Amino acid sequence: MEWLWLLVAVLVLGLGAVFMSWTAGRVDRLHHRVEKARAVLDAALFHRSGTAVEIASAGIMDPATSLLLLDAGHGARASAAADRELAESDLSRALVAAFADAEEVDDLRADCGARELLDELGNACRSVELSRRFHNDVVASARALRSRRVVRWFGLAGHAPLPQTAELDDSWPPALT
């Protein structure tokens, strides 16, 4: 009978080890998803700022608006990692201010080259919005898993830093839809 208790104890410890290994793998996979989502968000932000700079440099807008977009676009591209979200929010506000008037945007769309640039900017803005939402959803999932007792007590997240959400203003002008 003694061997039966030993067998049960080994079985319980084995199942516990398998569960913890599976949970640690899940945490690791979520951290990789966070990194991938952040890379996609960074690429979308870079594309949006590049398109804004291209529109500002194309000469299709008045000089003051072009200068506003150019400054915000270059600021977003050249910002340090710590100031990136603030610079990207500034670019969002500049885009909303530059393209607030739907009639002006329609007049700009009359030019074939401008239409392509505006469509590209609208797609880039939409991509930023979706990328940020997806990134924040993955971060929330990773944080929820890391908050579980088993993960905290046994250190299953390793030394990985706690993922942070992207808190930036990703609004975009409705005239670009």
N, C-alpha and C. Protein backbone atom coordinates (compact mmCIF):
# COMPACT_ATOMS: atom_id res chain seq x y z
N MET A 1 0.80 -1.19 0.00
CA MET A 1 0.00 0.00 0.00
C MET A 1 0.86 1.27 0.00
N GLU A 2 2.04 1.14 0.56
CA GLU A 2 2.93 2.29 0.63
C GLU A 2 3.36 2.74 -0.77
N TRP A 3 3.56 1.79 -1.67
CA TRP A 3 3.97 2.13 -3.04
C TRP A 3 2.85 2.87 -3.79
N LEU A 4 1.58 2.61 -3.41
CA LEU A 4 0.45 3.29 -4.04
C LEU A 4 0.47 4.79 -3.72
N TRP A 5 0.74 5.11 -2.45
CA TRP A 5 0.82 6.53 -2.07
C TRP A 5 2.00 7.21 -2.76
N LEU A 6 3.08 6.51 -2.89
CA LEU A 6 4.25 7.05 -3.57
C LEU A 6 3.92 7.30 -5.05
N LEU A 7 3.22 6.37 -5.66
CA LEU A 7 2.81 6.52 -7.06
C LEU A 7 1.87 7.72 -7.23
N VAL A 8 0.92 7.88 -6.33
CA VAL A 8 -0.01 9.02 -6.39
C VAL A 8 0.76 10.33 -6.21
N ALA A 9 1.70 10.37 -5.27
CA ALA A 9 2.48 11.59 -5.03
C ALA A 9 3.31 11.94 -6.26
N VAL A 10 3.95 10.95 -6.87
CA VAL A 10 4.75 11.20 -8.08
C VAL A 10 3.85 11.67 -9.21
N LEU A 11 2.69 11.09 -9.35
CA LEU A 11 1.74 11.48 -10.38
C LEU A 11 1.27 12.92 -10.18
N VAL A 12 0.95 13.29 -8.94
CA VAL A 12 0.49 14.65 -8.65
C VAL A 12 1.62 15.64 -8.92
N LEU A 13 2.83 15.33 -8.49
CA LEU A 13 3.97 16.23 -8.74
C LEU A 13 4.26 16.34 -10.24
N GLY A 14 4.15 15.24 -10.94
CA GLY A 14 4.36 15.26 -12.39
C GLY A 14 3.33 16.12 -13.10
N LEU A 15 2.06 15.97 -12.71
CA LEU A 15 1.01 16.80 -13.32
C LEU A 15 1.20 18.27 -12.99
N GLY A 16 1.63 18.55 -11.77
CA GLY A 16 1.91 19.93 -11.38
C GLY A 16 3.05 20.51 -12.20
N ALA A 17 4.09 19.73 -12.43
CA ALA A 17 5.22 20.19 -13.23
C ALA A 17 4.80 20.43 -14.68
N VAL A 18 3.99 19.54 -15.21
CA VAL A 18 3.50 19.71 -16.59
C VAL A 18 2.65 20.98 -16.68
N PHE A 19 1.78 21.20 -15.70
CA PHE A 19 0.93 22.40 -15.71
C PHE A 19 1.77 23.67 -15.64
N MET A 20 2.77 23.68 -14.75
CA MET A 20 3.61 24.87 -14.64
C MET A 20 4.45 25.09 -15.89
N SER A 21 4.93 24.03 -16.50
CA SER A 21 5.69 24.16 -17.74
C SER A 21 4.80 24.70 -18.85
N TRP A 22 3.58 24.20 -18.93
CA TRP A 22 2.63 24.68 -19.94
C TRP A 22 2.30 26.15 -19.71
N THR A 23 2.11 26.54 -18.44
CA THR A 23 1.79 27.93 -18.13
C THR A 23 2.98 28.84 -18.43
N ALA A 24 4.18 28.41 -18.12
CA ALA A 24 5.37 29.21 -18.43
C ALA A 24 5.52 29.39 -19.94
N GLY A 25 5.24 28.34 -20.70
CA GLY A 25 5.27 28.45 -22.16
C GLY A 25 4.22 29.40 -22.68
N ARG A 26 3.07 29.39 -22.05
CA ARG A 26 1.99 30.31 -22.45
C ARG A 26 2.38 31.75 -22.17
N VAL A 27 2.99 32.01 -21.03
CA VAL A 27 3.47 33.35 -20.71
C VAL A 27 4.51 33.79 -21.74
N ASP A 28 5.42 32.89 -22.07
CA ASP A 28 6.46 33.21 -23.05
C ASP A 28 5.85 33.52 -24.42
N ARG A 29 4.87 32.71 -24.84
CA ARG A 29 4.22 32.97 -26.13
C ARG A 29 3.51 34.30 -26.13
N LEU A 30 2.86 34.66 -25.03
CA LEU A 30 2.19 35.96 -24.96
C LEU A 30 3.19 37.11 -25.02
N HIS A 31 4.34 36.93 -24.39
CA HIS A 31 5.36 37.97 -24.46
C HIS A 31 5.87 38.14 -25.88
N HIS A 32 6.01 37.04 -26.62
CA HIS A 32 6.41 37.14 -28.02
C HIS A 32 5.33 37.84 -28.85
N ARG A 33 4.08 37.55 -28.55
CA ARG A 33 2.99 38.23 -29.26
C ARG A 33 2.99 39.72 -28.97
N VAL A 34 3.31 40.10 -27.73
CA VAL A 34 3.40 41.53 -27.38
C VAL A 34 4.51 42.18 -28.20
N GLU A 35 5.66 41.53 -28.29
CA GLU A 35 6.77 42.09 -29.06
C GLU A 35 6.42 42.23 -30.53
N LYS A 36 5.77 41.23 -31.09
CA LYS A 36 5.36 41.30 -32.50
C LYS A 36 4.33 42.40 -32.71
N ALA A 37 3.36 42.50 -31.81
CA ALA A 37 2.33 43.53 -31.93
C ALA A 37 2.95 44.92 -31.82
N ARG A 38 3.95 45.06 -30.95
CA ARG A 38 4.63 46.36 -30.82
C ARG A 38 5.39 46.70 -32.09
N ALA A 39 6.02 45.71 -32.70
CA ALA A 39 6.75 45.95 -33.95
C ALA A 39 5.79 46.36 -35.06
N VAL A 40 4.63 45.73 -35.12
CA VAL A 40 3.62 46.10 -36.13
C VAL A 40 3.12 47.52 -35.87
N LEU A 41 2.89 47.85 -34.61
CA LEU A 41 2.44 49.20 -34.26
C LEU A 41 3.51 50.23 -34.63
N ASP A 42 4.76 49.94 -34.32
CA ASP A 42 5.84 50.87 -34.68
C ASP A 42 5.93 51.07 -36.18
N ALA A 43 5.77 49.99 -36.94
CA ALA A 43 5.81 50.10 -38.41
C ALA A 43 4.63 50.94 -38.92
N ALA A 44 3.46 50.75 -38.34
CA ALA A 44 2.30 51.53 -38.76
C ALA A 44 2.49 53.01 -38.41
N LEU A 45 3.04 53.29 -37.24
CA LEU A 45 3.30 54.68 -36.86
C LEU A 45 4.33 55.32 -37.78
N PHE A 46 5.37 54.56 -38.11
CA PHE A 46 6.40 55.06 -39.00
C PHE A 46 5.83 55.35 -40.39
N HIS A 47 4.97 54.46 -40.87
CA HIS A 47 4.34 54.66 -42.19
C HIS A 47 3.43 55.88 -42.18
N ARG A 48 2.67 56.05 -41.10
CA ARG A 48 1.78 57.21 -41.01
C ARG A 48 2.57 58.51 -41.00
N SER A 49 3.63 58.57 -40.22
CA SER A 49 4.42 59.80 -40.16
C SER A 49 5.10 60.07 -41.50
N GLY A 50 5.55 59.02 -42.16
CA GLY A 50 6.16 59.19 -43.48
C GLY A 50 5.18 59.71 -44.51
N THR A 51 3.98 59.20 -44.47
CA THR A 51 2.95 59.67 -45.40
C THR A 51 2.56 61.12 -45.11
N ALA A 52 2.51 61.49 -43.83
CA ALA A 52 2.21 62.87 -43.47
C ALA A 52 3.30 63.81 -43.97
N VAL A 53 4.55 63.40 -43.83
CA VAL A 53 5.67 64.22 -44.33
C VAL A 53 5.61 64.31 -45.85
N GLU A 54 5.27 63.22 -46.50
CA GLU A 54 5.17 63.23 -47.96
C GLU A 54 4.06 64.17 -48.43
N ILE A 55 2.92 64.16 -47.76
CA ILE A 55 1.83 65.08 -48.12
C ILE A 55 2.26 66.52 -47.88
N ALA A 56 2.93 66.77 -46.75
CA ALA A 56 3.38 68.13 -46.43
C ALA A 56 4.39 68.62 -47.45
N SER A 57 5.19 67.72 -47.99
CA SER A 57 6.23 68.11 -48.95
C SER A 57 5.72 68.17 -50.39
N ALA A 58 4.53 67.67 -50.64
CA ALA A 58 4.01 67.58 -52.01
C ALA A 58 3.55 68.93 -52.55
N GLY A 59 3.34 69.91 -51.70
CA GLY A 59 2.90 71.22 -52.17
C GLY A 59 1.44 71.29 -52.52
N ILE A 60 0.64 70.42 -52.00
CA ILE A 60 -0.79 70.43 -52.32
C ILE A 60 -1.60 71.19 -51.29
N MET A 61 -0.97 71.56 -50.18
CA MET A 61 -1.68 72.26 -49.10
C MET A 61 -1.06 73.65 -48.93
N ASP A 62 -1.76 74.47 -48.17
CA ASP A 62 -1.21 75.80 -47.93
C ASP A 62 0.06 75.68 -47.07
N PRO A 63 0.94 76.69 -47.15
CA PRO A 63 2.24 76.58 -46.47
C PRO A 63 2.15 76.40 -44.95
N ALA A 64 1.21 77.04 -44.30
CA ALA A 64 1.11 76.92 -42.84
C ALA A 64 0.73 75.48 -42.44
N THR A 65 -0.23 74.91 -43.12
CA THR A 65 -0.65 73.54 -42.82
C THR A 65 0.46 72.56 -43.16
N SER A 66 1.14 72.81 -44.28
CA SER A 66 2.26 71.94 -44.66
C SER A 66 3.35 71.98 -43.60
N LEU A 67 3.64 73.17 -43.09
CA LEU A 67 4.67 73.29 -42.06
C LEU A 67 4.24 72.59 -40.77
N LEU A 68 2.97 72.70 -40.42
CA LEU A 68 2.45 72.02 -39.24
C LEU A 68 2.60 70.50 -39.37
N LEU A 69 2.20 69.96 -40.53
CA LEU A 69 2.31 68.52 -40.76
C LEU A 69 3.77 68.07 -40.83
N LEU A 70 4.59 68.87 -41.48
CA LEU A 70 6.01 68.52 -41.60
C LEU A 70 6.68 68.47 -40.24
N ASP A 71 6.40 69.46 -39.41
CA ASP A 71 6.99 69.50 -38.07
C ASP A 71 6.51 68.32 -37.22
N ALA A 72 5.21 68.05 -37.25
CA ALA A 72 4.67 66.95 -36.46
C ALA A 72 5.17 65.60 -36.98
N GLY A 73 5.26 65.45 -38.30
CA GLY A 73 5.75 64.20 -38.88
C GLY A 73 7.20 63.94 -38.55
N HIS A 74 8.03 64.97 -38.68
CA HIS A 74 9.44 64.80 -38.33
C HIS A 74 9.61 64.61 -36.83
N GLY A 75 8.80 65.27 -36.04
CA GLY A 75 8.86 65.09 -34.59
C GLY A 75 8.53 63.67 -34.18
N ALA A 76 7.55 63.08 -34.85
CA ALA A 76 7.18 61.70 -34.54
C ALA A 76 8.27 60.72 -34.95
N ARG A 77 8.92 61.00 -36.09
CA ARG A 77 9.97 60.09 -36.56
C ARG A 77 11.25 60.20 -35.74
N ALA A 78 11.55 61.41 -35.27
CA ALA A 78 12.83 61.64 -34.59
C ALA A 78 12.74 61.53 -33.07
N SER A 79 11.58 61.25 -32.54
CA SER A 79 11.42 61.24 -31.08
C SER A 79 12.11 60.04 -30.45
N ALA A 80 12.55 60.25 -29.23
CA ALA A 80 13.14 59.16 -28.46
C ALA A 80 12.03 58.21 -28.01
N ALA A 81 12.42 57.03 -27.61
CA ALA A 81 11.43 56.01 -27.22
C ALA A 81 10.55 56.49 -26.07
N ALA A 82 11.12 57.25 -25.15
CA ALA A 82 10.36 57.72 -23.99
C ALA A 82 9.31 58.76 -24.39
N ASP A 83 9.59 59.53 -25.45
CA ASP A 83 8.68 60.60 -25.88
C ASP A 83 7.86 60.21 -27.10
N ARG A 84 7.95 58.98 -27.53
CA ARG A 84 7.32 58.57 -28.78
C ARG A 84 5.81 58.72 -28.76
N GLU A 85 5.18 58.29 -27.69
CA GLU A 85 3.72 58.34 -27.64
C GLU A 85 3.21 59.78 -27.67
N LEU A 86 3.92 60.69 -26.99
CA LEU A 86 3.53 62.10 -27.00
C LEU A 86 3.70 62.69 -28.40
N ALA A 87 4.80 62.36 -29.07
CA ALA A 87 5.03 62.88 -30.42
C ALA A 87 4.01 62.33 -31.40
N GLU A 88 3.66 61.06 -31.25
CA GLU A 88 2.65 60.47 -32.14
C GLU A 88 1.27 61.07 -31.88
N SER A 89 0.97 61.38 -30.63
CA SER A 89 -0.30 62.05 -30.31
C SER A 89 -0.33 63.44 -30.91
N ASP A 90 0.82 64.13 -30.89
CA ASP A 90 0.91 65.45 -31.53
C ASP A 90 0.65 65.35 -33.03
N LEU A 91 1.18 64.31 -33.65
CA LEU A 91 0.93 64.10 -35.08
C LEU A 91 -0.55 63.84 -35.34
N SER A 92 -1.19 63.07 -34.48
CA SER A 92 -2.63 62.81 -34.64
C SER A 92 -3.42 64.10 -34.57
N ARG A 93 -3.09 64.94 -33.59
CA ARG A 93 -3.79 66.23 -33.47
C ARG A 93 -3.52 67.13 -34.67
N ALA A 94 -2.29 67.11 -35.19
CA ALA A 94 -1.96 67.91 -36.37
C ALA A 94 -2.74 67.42 -37.59
N LEU A 95 -2.88 66.11 -37.73
CA LEU A 95 -3.64 65.56 -38.85
C LEU A 95 -5.12 65.94 -38.75
N VAL A 96 -5.66 65.87 -37.56
CA VAL A 96 -7.07 66.25 -37.37
C VAL A 96 -7.25 67.73 -37.69
N ALA A 97 -6.31 68.57 -37.26
CA ALA A 97 -6.41 70.00 -37.54
C ALA A 97 -6.24 70.29 -39.03
N ALA A 98 -5.34 69.59 -39.69
CA ALA A 98 -5.06 69.86 -41.10
C ALA A 98 -6.20 69.40 -42.01
N PHE A 99 -6.86 68.32 -41.63
CA PHE A 99 -7.90 67.75 -42.50
C PHE A 99 -9.28 67.79 -41.85
N ALA A 100 -9.53 68.81 -41.05
CA ALA A 100 -10.82 68.92 -40.36
C ALA A 100 -11.94 69.29 -41.32
N ASP A 101 -11.63 70.07 -42.32
CA ASP A 101 -12.66 70.54 -43.25
C ASP A 101 -12.84 69.52 -44.38
N ALA A 102 -13.98 68.88 -44.41
CA ALA A 102 -14.25 67.83 -45.41
C ALA A 102 -14.29 68.40 -46.82
N GLU A 103 -14.76 69.63 -46.97
CA GLU A 103 -14.82 70.23 -48.30
C GLU A 103 -13.42 70.47 -48.85
N GLU A 104 -12.50 70.91 -47.99
CA GLU A 104 -11.12 71.10 -48.42
C GLU A 104 -10.50 69.79 -48.85
N VAL A 105 -10.78 68.75 -48.10
CA VAL A 105 -10.24 67.44 -48.44
C VAL A 105 -10.80 66.97 -49.77
N ASP A 106 -12.08 67.22 -50.00
CA ASP A 106 -12.67 66.84 -51.29
C ASP A 106 -12.04 67.62 -52.43
N ASP A 107 -11.73 68.91 -52.18
CA ASP A 107 -11.05 69.70 -53.21
C ASP A 107 -9.65 69.16 -53.48
N LEU A 108 -8.96 68.72 -52.42
CA LEU A 108 -7.63 68.15 -52.60
C LEU A 108 -7.70 66.83 -53.36
N ARG A 109 -8.76 66.07 -53.15
CA ARG A 109 -8.90 64.77 -53.83
C ARG A 109 -9.12 64.93 -55.33
N ALA A 110 -9.47 66.13 -55.77
CA ALA A 110 -9.67 66.35 -57.20
C ALA A 110 -8.37 66.13 -57.97
N ASP A 111 -7.24 66.41 -57.33
CA ASP A 111 -5.93 66.15 -57.94
C ASP A 111 -5.63 64.66 -57.78
N CYS A 112 -5.29 64.00 -58.87
CA CYS A 112 -5.09 62.55 -58.84
C CYS A 112 -3.96 62.13 -57.90
N GLY A 113 -2.83 62.84 -57.93
CA GLY A 113 -1.71 62.51 -57.05
C GLY A 113 -2.06 62.73 -55.59
N ALA A 114 -2.82 63.79 -55.33
CA ALA A 114 -3.22 64.08 -53.96
C ALA A 114 -4.21 63.03 -53.46
N ARG A 115 -5.06 62.55 -54.34
CA ARG A 115 -6.04 61.53 -53.94
C ARG A 115 -5.32 60.28 -53.45
N GLU A 116 -4.29 59.86 -54.18
CA GLU A 116 -3.54 58.67 -53.78
C GLU A 116 -2.86 58.88 -52.42
N LEU A 117 -2.28 60.05 -52.22
CA LEU A 117 -1.62 60.34 -50.95
C LEU A 117 -2.62 60.39 -49.80
N LEU A 118 -3.76 61.01 -50.03
CA LEU A 118 -4.78 61.09 -48.98
C LEU A 118 -5.36 59.71 -48.66
N ASP A 119 -5.56 58.89 -49.69
CA ASP A 119 -6.03 57.53 -49.44
C ASP A 119 -5.00 56.73 -48.65
N GLU A 120 -3.73 56.92 -49.02
CA GLU A 120 -2.66 56.22 -48.29
C GLU A 120 -2.60 56.68 -46.84
N LEU A 121 -2.77 57.98 -46.61
CA LEU A 121 -2.77 58.50 -45.24
C LEU A 121 -3.97 57.97 -44.46
N GLY A 122 -5.13 57.91 -45.08
CA GLY A 122 -6.30 57.36 -44.41
C GLY A 122 -6.09 55.90 -44.03
N ASN A 123 -5.50 55.13 -44.95
CA ASN A 123 -5.21 53.72 -44.65
C ASN A 123 -4.17 53.59 -43.54
N ALA A 124 -3.17 54.47 -43.56
CA ALA A 124 -2.14 54.44 -42.52
C ALA A 124 -2.73 54.79 -41.16
N CYS A 125 -3.63 55.76 -41.12
CA CYS A 125 -4.27 56.14 -39.85
C CYS A 125 -5.12 54.99 -39.32
N ARG A 126 -5.84 54.34 -40.20
CA ARG A 126 -6.67 53.20 -39.79
C ARG A 126 -5.78 52.05 -39.29
N SER A 127 -4.67 51.84 -39.96
CA SER A 127 -3.74 50.80 -39.55
C SER A 127 -3.16 51.09 -38.16
N VAL A 128 -2.86 52.35 -37.88
CA VAL A 128 -2.36 52.72 -36.55
C VAL A 128 -3.41 52.43 -35.50
N GLU A 129 -4.64 52.80 -35.78
CA GLU A 129 -5.72 52.58 -34.82
C GLU A 129 -5.90 51.08 -34.52
N LEU A 130 -5.94 50.27 -35.56
CA LEU A 130 -6.12 48.83 -35.37
C LEU A 130 -4.90 48.19 -34.69
N SER A 131 -3.71 48.61 -35.07
CA SER A 131 -2.49 48.06 -34.47
C SER A 131 -2.41 48.39 -32.99
N ARG A 132 -2.79 49.61 -32.62
CA ARG A 132 -2.74 49.99 -31.21
C ARG A 132 -3.76 49.18 -30.41
N ARG A 133 -4.94 49.01 -30.96
CA ARG A 133 -5.96 48.22 -30.26
C ARG A 133 -5.50 46.78 -30.07
N PHE A 134 -4.96 46.19 -31.12
CA PHE A 134 -4.50 44.81 -31.03
C PHE A 134 -3.36 44.70 -30.01
N HIS A 135 -2.42 45.63 -30.08
CA HIS A 135 -1.29 45.62 -29.13
C HIS A 135 -1.80 45.71 -27.70
N ASN A 136 -2.71 46.62 -27.44
CA ASN A 136 -3.22 46.78 -26.07
C ASN A 136 -4.01 45.56 -25.61
N ASP A 137 -4.71 44.89 -26.52
CA ASP A 137 -5.42 43.66 -26.17
C ASP A 137 -4.45 42.55 -25.78
N VAL A 138 -3.37 42.42 -26.53
CA VAL A 138 -2.37 41.39 -26.22
C VAL A 138 -1.68 41.70 -24.90
N VAL A 139 -1.39 42.98 -24.66
CA VAL A 139 -0.77 43.38 -23.40
C VAL A 139 -1.72 43.07 -22.24
N ALA A 140 -2.99 43.34 -22.40
CA ALA A 140 -3.96 43.05 -21.33
C ALA A 140 -4.02 41.54 -21.05
N SER A 141 -3.95 40.73 -22.10
CA SER A 141 -3.94 39.28 -21.90
C SER A 141 -2.69 38.83 -21.15
N ALA A 142 -1.56 39.37 -21.53
CA ALA A 142 -0.30 39.00 -20.87
C ALA A 142 -0.31 39.45 -19.40
N ARG A 143 -0.80 40.63 -19.15
CA ARG A 143 -0.85 41.11 -17.76
C ARG A 143 -1.82 40.28 -16.92
N ALA A 144 -2.94 39.88 -17.52
CA ALA A 144 -3.90 39.06 -16.78
C ALA A 144 -3.29 37.70 -16.43
N LEU A 145 -2.57 37.11 -17.36
CA LEU A 145 -1.94 35.82 -17.08
C LEU A 145 -0.84 35.98 -16.04
N ARG A 146 -0.08 37.06 -16.13
CA ARG A 146 1.00 37.27 -15.16
C ARG A 146 0.49 37.60 -13.76
N SER A 147 -0.76 38.02 -13.67
CA SER A 147 -1.30 38.35 -12.35
C SER A 147 -1.81 37.12 -11.60
N ARG A 148 -1.86 35.98 -12.25
CA ARG A 148 -2.31 34.76 -11.58
C ARG A 148 -1.30 34.33 -10.52
N ARG A 149 -1.82 33.74 -9.46
CA ARG A 149 -0.97 33.35 -8.33
C ARG A 149 0.14 32.38 -8.72
N VAL A 150 -0.20 31.38 -9.52
CA VAL A 150 0.80 30.38 -9.89
C VAL A 150 1.97 31.03 -10.60
N VAL A 151 1.67 31.96 -11.51
CA VAL A 151 2.72 32.64 -12.26
C VAL A 151 3.58 33.49 -11.33
N ARG A 152 2.94 34.21 -10.42
CA ARG A 152 3.68 35.07 -9.49
C ARG A 152 4.48 34.25 -8.48
N TRP A 153 3.87 33.27 -7.86
CA TRP A 153 4.52 32.49 -6.80
C TRP A 153 5.73 31.70 -7.30
N PHE A 154 5.61 31.14 -8.48
CA PHE A 154 6.69 30.32 -9.00
C PHE A 154 7.59 31.06 -9.99
N GLY A 155 7.34 32.35 -10.19
CA GLY A 155 8.19 33.15 -11.07
C GLY A 155 8.21 32.64 -12.50
N LEU A 156 7.06 32.23 -13.03
CA LEU A 156 7.00 31.64 -14.35
C LEU A 156 7.20 32.66 -15.47
N ALA A 157 7.13 33.96 -15.15
CA ALA A 157 7.37 34.98 -16.16
C ALA A 157 8.85 35.29 -16.31
N GLY A 158 9.67 34.70 -15.46
CA GLY A 158 11.10 34.94 -15.53
C GLY A 158 11.43 36.37 -15.15
N HIS A 159 12.37 36.95 -15.87
CA HIS A 159 12.80 38.33 -15.60
C HIS A 159 12.25 39.31 -16.63
N ALA A 160 11.29 38.89 -17.40
CA ALA A 160 10.72 39.75 -18.43
C ALA A 160 9.97 40.91 -17.77
N PRO A 161 10.17 42.11 -18.30
CA PRO A 161 9.43 43.25 -17.73
C PRO A 161 7.94 43.13 -18.03
N LEU A 162 7.14 43.75 -17.19
CA LEU A 162 5.70 43.74 -17.38
C LEU A 162 5.36 44.56 -18.63
N PRO A 163 4.63 43.99 -19.58
CA PRO A 163 4.32 44.73 -20.82
C PRO A 163 3.47 45.97 -20.53
N GLN A 164 3.72 47.01 -21.29
CA GLN A 164 3.01 48.27 -21.13
C GLN A 164 2.13 48.53 -22.36
N THR A 165 0.97 49.12 -22.12
CA THR A 165 0.08 49.47 -23.22
C THR A 165 0.60 50.72 -23.93
N ALA A 166 0.16 50.89 -25.15
CA ALA A 166 0.50 52.09 -25.92
C ALA A 166 -0.61 53.11 -25.70
N GLU A 167 -0.31 54.13 -24.95
CA GLU A 167 -1.29 55.17 -24.65
C GLU A 167 -1.01 56.38 -25.51
N LEU A 168 -1.62 56.41 -26.68
CA LEU A 168 -1.45 57.54 -27.57
C LEU A 168 -2.78 57.88 -28.22
N ASP A 169 -2.87 59.10 -28.66
CA ASP A 169 -4.07 59.56 -29.35
C ASP A 169 -3.97 59.09 -30.80
N ASP A 170 -4.81 58.16 -31.19
CA ASP A 170 -4.75 57.66 -32.56
C ASP A 170 -5.96 58.11 -33.37
N SER A 171 -6.58 59.19 -32.91
CA SER A 171 -7.74 59.70 -33.67
C SER A 171 -7.26 60.20 -35.04
N TRP A 172 -8.15 60.16 -35.98
CA TRP A 172 -7.80 60.63 -37.31
C TRP A 172 -8.98 61.34 -37.93
N PRO A 173 -8.74 62.21 -38.88
CA PRO A 173 -9.81 63.02 -39.44
C PRO A 173 -10.85 62.19 -40.17
N PRO A 174 -12.12 62.38 -39.84
CA PRO A 174 -13.17 61.61 -40.51
C PRO A 174 -13.22 61.87 -42.01
N ALA A 175 -12.68 63.01 -42.44
CA ALA A 175 -12.70 63.34 -43.87
C ALA A 175 -11.80 62.42 -44.68
N LEU A 176 -10.90 61.70 -44.03
CA LEU A 176 -9.99 60.80 -44.74
C LEU A 176 -10.57 59.41 -44.95
N THR A 177 -11.77 59.14 -44.44
CA THR A 177 -12.34 57.80 -44.60
C THR A 177 -12.78 57.57 -46.03
